[in-house]
Amino acid sequence: MIRDYEGALLRGDPVPGASEGFPRSKALTGKVLVSLGSILGDAQERGKVTRNVVRELRRRRKQGKERQAERRQKGRLKVGVDIPTREEIKTFIAALEGR
């Protein structure tokens, strides 16, 4: 539900009771989710909820060593396959006009 809520904020879905909505920026959406996480954290301390699902979402993201290991498995970029060769870059630059 939290992921759906985040997507609705970014898409600009209308809030309940409104006929139309507007898209929110990633920064504002992040602030809203941080606030929601804080509210749930306080409720958890008071015994009103058992889990803070917002904080659990953030923990599932790959961090540090996991991310590095994944990059190592992907391997290095290959010239001519992943990125253009020198000759291709020279051709691009030669075709440019102005700034």
PDB file of N, CA and C in Angstrom:
ATOM      1  N   MET A   1       0.815  -1.198   0.000  1.00  0.00           N
ATOM      2  CA  MET A   1       0.000   0.000   0.000  1.00  0.00           C
ATOM      3  C   MET A   1       0.856   1.259   0.000  1.00  0.00           C
ATOM      4  N   ILE A   2       1.986   1.193   0.704  1.00  0.00           N
ATOM      5  CA  ILE A   2       2.867   2.366   0.764  1.00  0.00           C
ATOM      6  C   ILE A   2       3.454   2.660  -0.621  1.00  0.00           C
ATOM      7  N   ARG A   3       3.883   1.613  -1.332  1.00  0.00           N
ATOM      8  CA  ARG A   3       4.413   1.809  -2.691  1.00  0.00           C
ATOM      9  C   ARG A   3       3.343   2.407  -3.606  1.00  0.00           C
ATOM     10  N   ASP A   4       2.102   1.936  -3.479  1.00  0.00           N
ATOM     11  CA  ASP A   4       1.010   2.489  -4.281  1.00  0.00           C
ATOM     12  C   ASP A   4       0.780   3.960  -3.945  1.00  0.00           C
ATOM     13  N   TYR A   5       0.845   4.286  -2.656  1.00  0.00           N
ATOM     14  CA  TYR A   5       0.672   5.667  -2.214  1.00  0.00           C
ATOM     15  C   TYR A   5       1.780   6.553  -2.783  1.00  0.00           C
ATOM     16  N   GLU A   6       3.017   6.051  -2.746  1.00  0.00           N
ATOM     17  CA  GLU A   6       4.141   6.796  -3.298  1.00  0.00           C
ATOM     18  C   GLU A   6       3.933   7.045  -4.788  1.00  0.00           C
ATOM     19  N   GLY A   7       3.505   6.013  -5.507  1.00  0.00           N
ATOM     20  CA  GLY A   7       3.238   6.156  -6.939  1.00  0.00           C
ATOM     21  C   GLY A   7       2.112   7.134  -7.219  1.00  0.00           C
ATOM     22  N   ALA A   8       1.067   7.095  -6.387  1.00  0.00           N
ATOM     23  CA  ALA A   8      -0.060   8.023  -6.566  1.00  0.00           C
ATOM     24  C   ALA A   8       0.385   9.465  -6.365  1.00  0.00           C
ATOM     25  N   LEU A   9       1.253   9.707  -5.388  1.00  0.00           N
ATOM     26  CA  LEU A   9       1.771  11.063  -5.179  1.00  0.00           C
ATOM     27  C   LEU A   9       2.576  11.533  -6.384  1.00  0.00           C
ATOM     28  N   LEU A  10       3.434  10.663  -6.897  1.00  0.00           N
ATOM     29  CA  LEU A  10       4.272  11.043  -8.035  1.00  0.00           C
ATOM     30  C   LEU A  10       3.443  11.256  -9.300  1.00  0.00           C
ATOM     31  N   ARG A  11       2.433  10.407  -9.511  1.00  0.00           N
ATOM     32  CA  ARG A  11       1.579  10.519 -10.704  1.00  0.00           C
ATOM     33  C   ARG A  11       0.654  11.715 -10.629  1.00  0.00           C
ATOM     34  N   GLY A  12       0.252  12.084  -9.421  1.00  0.00           N
ATOM     35  CA  GLY A  12      -0.671  13.197  -9.260  1.00  0.00           C
ATOM     36  C   GLY A  12      -2.111  12.754  -9.190  1.00  0.00           C
ATOM     37  N   ASP A  13      -2.346  11.533  -8.716  1.00  0.00           N
ATOM     38  CA  ASP A  13      -3.719  11.066  -8.544  1.00  0.00           C
ATOM     39  C   ASP A  13      -4.435  11.987  -7.568  1.00  0.00           C
ATOM     40  N   PRO A  14      -5.734  12.247  -7.795  1.00  0.00           N
ATOM     41  CA  PRO A  14      -6.460  13.130  -6.867  1.00  0.00           C
ATOM     42  C   PRO A  14      -6.632  12.485  -5.497  1.00  0.00           C
ATOM     43  N   VAL A  15      -6.569  13.309  -4.479  1.00  0.00           N
ATOM     44  CA  VAL A  15      -6.779  12.832  -3.114  1.00  0.00           C
ATOM     45  C   VAL A  15      -8.267  12.594  -2.906  1.00  0.00           C
ATOM     46  N   PRO A  16      -8.649  11.793  -1.932  1.00  0.00           N
ATOM     47  CA  PRO A  16     -10.078  11.565  -1.689  1.00  0.00           C
ATOM     48  C   PRO A  16     -10.828  12.873  -1.464  1.00  0.00           C
ATOM     49  N   GLY A  17     -11.928  13.022  -2.170  1.00  0.00           N
ATOM     50  CA  GLY A  17     -12.733  14.229  -2.044  1.00  0.00           C
ATOM     51  C   GLY A  17     -12.403  15.303  -3.064  1.00  0.00           C
ATOM     52  N   ALA A  18     -11.318  15.128  -3.832  1.00  0.00           N
ATOM     53  CA  ALA A  18     -10.937  16.116  -4.846  1.00  0.00           C
ATOM     54  C   ALA A  18     -11.252  15.562  -6.233  1.00  0.00           C
ATOM     55  N   SER A  19     -11.581  16.460  -7.155  1.00  0.00           N
ATOM     56  CA  SER A  19     -11.917  16.018  -8.509  1.00  0.00           C
ATOM     57  C   SER A  19     -10.676  15.830  -9.371  1.00  0.00           C
ATOM     58  N   GLU A  20      -9.639  16.587  -9.084  1.00  0.00           N
ATOM     59  CA  GLU A  20      -8.397  16.431  -9.841  1.00  0.00           C
ATOM     60  C   GLU A  20      -7.192  16.604  -8.932  1.00  0.00           C
ATOM     61  N   GLY A  21      -6.077  16.034  -9.369  1.00  0.00           N
ATOM     62  CA  GLY A  21      -4.851  16.117  -8.577  1.00  0.00           C
ATOM     63  C   GLY A  21      -3.735  16.739  -9.382  1.00  0.00           C
ATOM     64  N   PHE A  22      -2.550  16.771  -8.809  1.00  0.00           N
ATOM     65  CA  PHE A  22      -1.373  17.288  -9.506  1.00  0.00           C
ATOM     66  C   PHE A  22      -0.170  16.471  -9.069  1.00  0.00           C
ATOM     67  N   PRO A  23       0.776  16.246  -9.989  1.00  0.00           N
ATOM     68  CA  PRO A  23       1.953  15.438  -9.637  1.00  0.00           C
ATOM     69  C   PRO A  23       2.830  16.148  -8.609  1.00  0.00           C
ATOM     70  N   ARG A  24       3.364  15.348  -7.683  1.00  0.00           N
ATOM     71  CA  ARG A  24       4.281  15.882  -6.676  1.00  0.00           C
ATOM     72  C   ARG A  24       5.707  15.532  -7.082  1.00  0.00           C
ATOM     73  N   SER A  25       6.659  16.338  -6.685  1.00  0.00           N
ATOM     74  CA  SER A  25       8.061  16.075  -7.005  1.00  0.00           C
ATOM     75  C   SER A  25       8.571  14.903  -6.175  1.00  0.00           C
ATOM     76  N   LYS A  26       9.706  14.338  -6.606  1.00  0.00           N
ATOM     77  CA  LYS A  26      10.311  13.246  -5.850  1.00  0.00           C
ATOM     78  C   LYS A  26      10.727  13.719  -4.463  1.00  0.00           C
ATOM     79  N   ALA A  27      11.194  14.967  -4.389  1.00  0.00           N
ATOM     80  CA  ALA A  27      11.631  15.510  -3.099  1.00  0.00           C
ATOM     81  C   ALA A  27      10.449  15.611  -2.132  1.00  0.00           C
ATOM     82  N   LEU A  28       9.321  16.144  -2.607  1.00  0.00           N
ATOM     83  CA  LEU A  28       8.152  16.281  -1.740  1.00  0.00           C
ATOM     84  C   LEU A  28       7.616  14.907  -1.357  1.00  0.00           C
ATOM     85  N   THR A  29       7.579  13.983  -2.317  1.00  0.00           N
ATOM     86  CA  THR A  29       7.115  12.629  -2.031  1.00  0.00           C
ATOM     87  C   THR A  29       7.993  11.981  -0.969  1.00  0.00           C
ATOM     88  N   GLY A  30       9.303  12.176  -1.065  1.00  0.00           N
ATOM     89  CA  GLY A  30      10.217  11.641  -0.062  1.00  0.00           C
ATOM     90  C   GLY A  30       9.949  12.224   1.310  1.00  0.00           C
ATOM     91  N   LYS A  31       9.686  13.529   1.365  1.00  0.00           N
ATOM     92  CA  LYS A  31       9.396  14.178   2.648  1.00  0.00           C
ATOM     93  C   LYS A  31       8.104  13.640   3.261  1.00  0.00           C
ATOM     94  N   VAL A  32       7.107  13.410   2.407  1.00  0.00           N
ATOM     95  CA  VAL A  32       5.836  12.868   2.890  1.00  0.00           C
ATOM     96  C   VAL A  32       6.058  11.482   3.478  1.00  0.00           C
ATOM     97  N   LEU A  33       6.842  10.645   2.786  1.00  0.00           N
ATOM     98  CA  LEU A  33       7.088   9.289   3.274  1.00  0.00           C
ATOM     99  C   LEU A  33       7.921   9.291   4.558  1.00  0.00           C
ATOM    100  N   VAL A  34       8.858  10.209   4.675  1.00  0.00           N
ATOM    101  CA  VAL A  34       9.638  10.322   5.909  1.00  0.00           C
ATOM    102  C   VAL A  34       8.717  10.706   7.067  1.00  0.00           C
ATOM    103  N   SER A  35       7.819  11.659   6.813  1.00  0.00           N
ATOM    104  CA  SER A  35       6.868  12.056   7.853  1.00  0.00           C
ATOM    105  C   SER A  35       5.957  10.897   8.244  1.00  0.00           C
ATOM    106  N   LEU A  36       5.472  10.153   7.253  1.00  0.00           N
ATOM    107  CA  LEU A  36       4.624   9.000   7.529  1.00  0.00           C
ATOM    108  C   LEU A  36       5.389   7.957   8.345  1.00  0.00           C
ATOM    109  N   GLY A  37       6.659   7.753   8.003  1.00  0.00           N
ATOM    110  CA  GLY A  37       7.495   6.823   8.759  1.00  0.00           C
ATOM    111  C   GLY A  37       7.674   7.268  10.201  1.00  0.00           C
ATOM    112  N   SER A  38       7.824   8.572  10.400  1.00  0.00           N
ATOM    113  CA  SER A  38       7.961   9.097  11.768  1.00  0.00           C
ATOM    114  C   SER A  38       6.678   8.905  12.562  1.00  0.00           C
ATOM    115  N   ILE A  39       5.546   9.146  11.914  1.00  0.00           N
ATOM    116  CA  ILE A  39       4.257   8.966  12.588  1.00  0.00           C
ATOM    117  C   ILE A  39       4.077   7.503  12.976  1.00  0.00           C
ATOM    118  N   LEU A  40       4.385   6.601  12.056  1.00  0.00           N
ATOM    119  CA  LEU A  40       4.258   5.173  12.355  1.00  0.00           C
ATOM    120  C   LEU A  40       5.253   4.741  13.435  1.00  0.00           C
ATOM    121  N   GLY A  41       6.447   5.320  13.433  1.00  0.00           N
ATOM    122  CA  GLY A  41       7.443   5.012  14.468  1.00  0.00           C
ATOM    123  C   GLY A  41       6.948   5.411  15.846  1.00  0.00           C
ATOM    124  N   ASP A  42       6.339   6.581  15.924  1.00  0.00           N
ATOM    125  CA  ASP A  42       5.781   7.026  17.203  1.00  0.00           C
ATOM    126  C   ASP A  42       4.632   6.116  17.632  1.00  0.00           C
ATOM    127  N   ALA A  43       3.777   5.758  16.685  1.00  0.00           N
ATOM    128  CA  ALA A  43       2.661   4.862  16.998  1.00  0.00           C
ATOM    129  C   ALA A  43       3.179   3.491  17.447  1.00  0.00           C
ATOM    130  N   GLN A  44       4.281   3.063  16.868  1.00  0.00           N
ATOM    131  CA  GLN A  44       4.868   1.780  17.251  1.00  0.00           C
ATOM    132  C   GLN A  44       5.392   1.838  18.685  1.00  0.00           C
ATOM    133  N   GLU A  45       6.044   2.935  19.042  1.00  0.00           N
ATOM    134  CA  GLU A  45       6.544   3.100  20.408  1.00  0.00           C
ATOM    135  C   GLU A  45       5.400   3.103  21.422  1.00  0.00           C
ATOM    136  N   ARG A  46       4.254   3.633  21.023  1.00  0.00           N
ATOM    137  CA  ARG A  46       3.096   3.701  21.916  1.00  0.00           C
ATOM    138  C   ARG A  46       2.287   2.412  21.919  1.00  0.00           C
ATOM    139  N   GLY A  47       2.677   1.453  21.074  1.00  0.00           N
ATOM    140  CA  GLY A  47       1.980   0.182  21.029  1.00  0.00           C
ATOM    141  C   GLY A  47       0.723   0.175  20.178  1.00  0.00           C
ATOM    142  N   LYS A  48       0.548   1.185  19.349  1.00  0.00           N
ATOM    143  CA  LYS A  48      -0.655   1.281  18.508  1.00  0.00           C
ATOM    144  C   LYS A  48      -0.527   0.449  17.233  1.00  0.00           C
ATOM    145  N   VAL A  49       0.691   0.298  16.723  1.00  0.00           N
ATOM    146  CA  VAL A  49       0.951  -0.555  15.559  1.00  0.00           C
ATOM    147  C   VAL A  49       2.137  -1.454  15.886  1.00  0.00           C
ATOM    148  N   THR A  50       2.210  -2.595  15.212  1.00  0.00           N
ATOM    149  CA  THR A  50       3.307  -3.518  15.505  1.00  0.00           C
ATOM    150  C   THR A  50       4.482  -3.348  14.553  1.00  0.00           C
ATOM    151  N   ARG A  51       4.223  -2.847  13.348  1.00  0.00           N
ATOM    152  CA  ARG A  51       5.296  -2.719  12.355  1.00  0.00           C
ATOM    153  C   ARG A  51       5.284  -1.330  11.745  1.00  0.00           C
ATOM    154  N   ASN A  52       6.485  -0.836  11.423  1.00  0.00           N
ATOM    155  CA  ASN A  52       6.618   0.409  10.675  1.00  0.00           C
ATOM    156  C   ASN A  52       6.950   0.021   9.236  1.00  0.00           C
ATOM    157  N   VAL A  53       5.927  -0.076   8.407  1.00  0.00           N
ATOM    158  CA  VAL A  53       6.120  -0.576   7.044  1.00  0.00           C
ATOM    159  C   VAL A  53       6.943   0.372   6.180  1.00  0.00           C
ATOM    160  N   VAL A  54       6.943   1.658   6.488  1.00  0.00           N
ATOM    161  CA  VAL A  54       7.744   2.610   5.703  1.00  0.00           C
ATOM    162  C   VAL A  54       9.229   2.325   5.898  1.00  0.00           C
ATOM    163  N   ARG A  55       9.648   2.112   7.131  1.00  0.00           N
ATOM    164  CA  ARG A  55      11.061   1.828   7.392  1.00  0.00           C
ATOM    165  C   ARG A  55      11.461   0.478   6.837  1.00  0.00           C
ATOM    166  N   GLU A  56      10.553  -0.485   6.843  1.00  0.00           N
ATOM    167  CA  GLU A  56      10.851  -1.798   6.278  1.00  0.00           C
ATOM    168  C   GLU A  56      11.080  -1.712   4.778  1.00  0.00           C
ATOM    169  N   LEU A  57      10.362  -0.828   4.092  1.00  0.00           N
ATOM    170  CA  LEU A  57      10.568  -0.658   2.646  1.00  0.00           C
ATOM    171  C   LEU A  57      11.982  -0.178   2.366  1.00  0.00           C
ATOM    172  N   ARG A  58      12.449   0.764   3.141  1.00  0.00           N
ATOM    173  CA  ARG A  58      13.780   1.328   2.919  1.00  0.00           C
ATOM    174  C   ARG A  58      14.864   0.291   3.178  1.00  0.00           C
ATOM    175  N   ARG A  59      14.632  -0.607   4.125  1.00  0.00           N
ATOM    176  CA  ARG A  59      15.645  -1.623   4.447  1.00  0.00           C
ATOM    177  C   ARG A  59      15.794  -2.654   3.348  1.00  0.00           C
ATOM    178  N   ARG A  60      14.746  -2.872   2.580  1.00  0.00           N
ATOM    179  CA  ARG A  60      14.799  -3.883   1.527  1.00  0.00           C
ATOM    180  C   ARG A  60      15.667  -3.467   0.350  1.00  0.00           C
ATOM    181  N   ARG A  61      15.904  -2.181   0.219  1.00  0.00           N
ATOM    182  CA  ARG A  61      16.741  -1.713  -0.886  1.00  0.00           C
ATOM    183  C   ARG A  61      18.165  -2.173  -0.680  1.00  0.00           C
ATOM    184  N   LYS A  62      18.823  -2.465  -1.774  1.00  0.00           N
ATOM    185  CA  LYS A  62      20.193  -2.962  -1.694  1.00  0.00           C
ATOM    186  C   LYS A  62      21.122  -1.843  -1.250  1.00  0.00           C
ATOM    187  N   GLN A  63      22.010  -2.169  -0.335  1.00  0.00           N
ATOM    188  CA  GLN A  63      22.916  -1.166   0.197  1.00  0.00           C
ATOM    189  C   GLN A  63      24.346  -1.681   0.176  1.00  0.00           C
ATOM    190  N   GLY A  64      25.258  -0.760   0.118  1.00  0.00           N
ATOM    191  CA  GLY A  64      26.678  -1.027   0.287  1.00  0.00           C
ATOM    192  C   GLY A  64      27.220  -2.245  -0.415  1.00  0.00           C
ATOM    193  N   LYS A  65      27.573  -3.271   0.356  1.00  0.00           N
ATOM    194  CA  LYS A  65      28.241  -4.456  -0.169  1.00  0.00           C
ATOM    195  C   LYS A  65      27.369  -5.206  -1.163  1.00  0.00           C
ATOM    196  N   GLU A  66      26.058  -5.256  -0.924  1.00  0.00           N
ATOM    197  CA  GLU A  66      25.169  -5.939  -1.862  1.00  0.00           C
ATOM    198  C   GLU A  66      25.203  -5.264  -3.222  1.00  0.00           C
ATOM    199  N   ARG A  67      25.154  -3.934  -3.224  1.00  0.00           N
ATOM    200  CA  ARG A  67      25.165  -3.174  -4.472  1.00  0.00           C
ATOM    201  C   ARG A  67      26.500  -3.354  -5.191  1.00  0.00           C
ATOM    202  N   GLN A  68      27.603  -3.320  -4.445  1.00  0.00           N
ATOM    203  CA  GLN A  68      28.924  -3.513  -5.045  1.00  0.00           C
ATOM    204  C   GLN A  68      29.052  -4.894  -5.650  1.00  0.00           C
ATOM    205  N   ALA A  69      28.575  -5.918  -4.962  1.00  0.00           N
ATOM    206  CA  ALA A  69      28.649  -7.284  -5.471  1.00  0.00           C
ATOM    207  C   ALA A  69      27.848  -7.421  -6.757  1.00  0.00           C
ATOM    208  N   GLU A  70      26.697  -6.767  -6.806  1.00  0.00           N
ATOM    209  CA  GLU A  70      25.879  -6.826  -8.019  1.00  0.00           C
ATOM    210  C   GLU A  70      26.590  -6.163  -9.195  1.00  0.00           C
ATOM    211  N   ARG A  71      27.240  -5.024  -8.938  1.00  0.00           N
ATOM    212  CA  ARG A  71      27.990  -4.341 -10.007  1.00  0.00           C
ATOM    213  C   ARG A  71      29.136  -5.206 -10.510  1.00  0.00           C
ATOM    214  N   ARG A  72      29.830  -5.892  -9.577  1.00  0.00           N
ATOM    215  CA  ARG A  72      30.931  -6.773  -9.980  1.00  0.00           C
ATOM    216  C   ARG A  72      30.438  -7.889 -10.884  1.00  0.00           C
ATOM    217  N   GLN A  73      29.273  -8.420 -10.594  1.00  0.00           N
ATOM    218  CA  GLN A  73      28.722  -9.506 -11.388  1.00  0.00           C
ATOM    219  C   GLN A  73      28.372  -9.051 -12.796  1.00  0.00           C
ATOM    220  N   LYS A  74      27.974  -7.792 -12.938  1.00  0.00           N
ATOM    221  CA  LYS A  74      27.607  -7.274 -14.256  1.00  0.00           C
ATOM    222  C   LYS A  74      28.832  -7.130 -15.159  1.00  0.00           C
ATOM    223  N   GLY A  75      29.980  -6.868 -14.595  1.00  0.00           N
ATOM    224  CA  GLY A  75      31.196  -6.714 -15.383  1.00  0.00           C
ATOM    225  C   GLY A  75      31.402  -5.288 -15.863  1.00  0.00           C
ATOM    226  N   ARG A  76      32.522  -5.111 -16.560  1.00  0.00           N
ATOM    227  CA  ARG A  76      32.891  -3.787 -17.041  1.00  0.00           C
ATOM    228  C   ARG A  76      32.152  -3.457 -18.322  1.00  0.00           C
ATOM    229  N   LEU A  77      32.064  -2.161 -18.610  1.00  0.00           N
ATOM    230  CA  LEU A  77      31.473  -1.720 -19.867  1.00  0.00           C
ATOM    231  C   LEU A  77      32.421  -2.055 -21.013  1.00  0.00           C
ATOM    232  N   LYS A  78      31.872  -2.396 -22.171  1.00  0.00           N
ATOM    233  CA  LYS A  78      32.679  -2.753 -23.328  1.00  0.00           C
ATOM    234  C   LYS A  78      32.576  -1.668 -24.386  1.00  0.00           C
ATOM    235  N   VAL A  79      33.740  -1.200 -24.859  1.00  0.00           N
ATOM    236  CA  VAL A  79      33.784  -0.187 -25.899  1.00  0.00           C
ATOM    237  C   VAL A  79      33.249  -0.809 -27.188  1.00  0.00           C
ATOM    238  N   GLY A  80      32.364  -0.080 -27.852  1.00  0.00           N
ATOM    239  CA  GLY A  80      31.763  -0.583 -29.082  1.00  0.00           C
ATOM    240  C   GLY A  80      30.473  -1.338 -28.847  1.00  0.00           C
ATOM    241  N   VAL A  81      30.248  -1.767 -27.609  1.00  0.00           N
ATOM    242  CA  VAL A  81      29.008  -2.467 -27.269  1.00  0.00           C
ATOM    243  C   VAL A  81      28.165  -1.579 -26.345  1.00  0.00           C
ATOM    244  N   ASP A  82      28.722  -1.233 -25.187  1.00  0.00           N
ATOM    245  CA  ASP A  82      28.010  -0.408 -24.207  1.00  0.00           C
ATOM    246  C   ASP A  82      28.231   1.084 -24.430  1.00  0.00           C
ATOM    247  N   ILE A  83      29.422   1.440 -24.897  1.00  0.00           N
ATOM    248  CA  ILE A  83      29.759   2.838 -25.143  1.00  0.00           C
ATOM    249  C   ILE A  83      30.362   2.952 -26.535  1.00  0.00           C
ATOM    250  N   PRO A  84      30.254   4.127 -27.175  1.00  0.00           N
ATOM    251  CA  PRO A  84      30.772   4.265 -28.540  1.00  0.00           C
ATOM    252  C   PRO A  84      32.305   4.201 -28.598  1.00  0.00           C
ATOM    253  N   THR A  85      32.814   3.780 -29.753  1.00  0.00           N
ATOM    254  CA  THR A  85      34.262   3.739 -29.977  1.00  0.00           C
ATOM    255  C   THR A  85      34.767   5.146 -30.251  1.00  0.00           C
ATOM    256  N   ARG A  86      36.088   5.324 -30.279  1.00  0.00           N
ATOM    257  CA  ARG A  86      36.662   6.646 -30.586  1.00  0.00           C
ATOM    258  C   ARG A  86      36.241   7.123 -31.958  1.00  0.00           C
ATOM    259  N   GLU A  87      36.233   6.216 -32.921  1.00  0.00           N
ATOM    260  CA  GLU A  87      35.860   6.593 -34.280  1.00  0.00           C
ATOM    261  C   GLU A  87      34.407   7.053 -34.341  1.00  0.00           C
ATOM    262  N   GLU A  88      33.516   6.362 -33.594  1.00  0.00           N
ATOM    263  CA  GLU A  88      32.109   6.764 -33.561  1.00  0.00           C
ATOM    264  C   GLU A  88      31.948   8.137 -32.915  1.00  0.00           C
ATOM    265  N   ILE A  89      32.710   8.395 -31.866  1.00  0.00           N
ATOM    266  CA  ILE A  89      32.649   9.706 -31.213  1.00  0.00           C
ATOM    267  C   ILE A  89      33.137  10.793 -32.152  1.00  0.00           C
ATOM    268  N   LYS A  90      34.245  10.527 -32.874  1.00  0.00           N
ATOM    269  CA  LYS A  90      34.747  11.505 -33.846  1.00  0.00           C
ATOM    270  C   LYS A  90      33.721  11.780 -34.928  1.00  0.00           C
ATOM    271  N   THR A  91      32.995  10.756 -35.353  1.00  0.00           N
ATOM    272  CA  THR A  91      31.949  10.932 -36.372  1.00  0.00           C
ATOM    273  C   THR A  91      30.823  11.799 -35.819  1.00  0.00           C
ATOM    274  N   PHE A  92      30.439  11.558 -34.569  1.00  0.00           N
ATOM    275  CA  PHE A  92      29.400  12.379 -33.945  1.00  0.00           C
ATOM    276  C   PHE A  92      29.831  13.832 -33.893  1.00  0.00           C
ATOM    277  N   ILE A  93      31.057  14.078 -33.444  1.00  0.00           N
ATOM    278  CA  ILE A  93      31.553  15.456 -33.286  1.00  0.00           C
ATOM    279  C   ILE A  93      31.647  16.137 -34.642  1.00  0.00           C
ATOM    280  N   ALA A  94      32.081  15.420 -35.676  1.00  0.00           N
ATOM    281  CA  ALA A  94      32.190  16.000 -37.006  1.00  0.00           C
ATOM    282  C   ALA A  94      30.819  16.404 -37.546  1.00  0.00           C
ATOM    283  N   ALA A  95      29.777  15.711 -37.164  1.00  0.00           N
ATOM    284  CA  ALA A  95      28.433  15.996 -37.654  1.00  0.00           C
ATOM    285  C   ALA A  95      27.765  17.153 -36.917  1.00  0.00           C
ATOM    286  N   LEU A  96      28.336  17.567 -35.787  1.00  0.00           N
ATOM    287  CA  LEU A  96      27.742  18.644 -35.003  1.00  0.00           C
ATOM    288  C   LEU A  96      27.929  19.994 -35.667  1.00  0.00           C
ATOM    289  N   GLU A  97      26.953  20.867 -35.436  1.00  0.00           N
ATOM    290  CA  GLU A  97      27.044  22.239 -35.944  1.00  0.00           C
ATOM    291  C   GLU A  97      26.771  23.193 -34.796  1.00  0.00           C
ATOM    292  N   GLY A  98      27.450  24.314 -34.738  1.00  0.00           N
ATOM    293  CA  GLY A  98      27.222  25.308 -33.696  1.00  0.00           C
ATOM    294  C   GLY A  98      27.710  24.810 -32.335  1.00  0.00           C
ATOM    295  N   ARG A  99      27.033  25.266 -31.290  1.00  0.00           N
ATOM    296  CA  ARG A  99      27.428  24.886 -29.946  1.00  0.00           C
ATOM    297  C   ARG A  99      27.003  23.496 -29.692  1.00  0.00           C
TER     298      ARG A  99
END
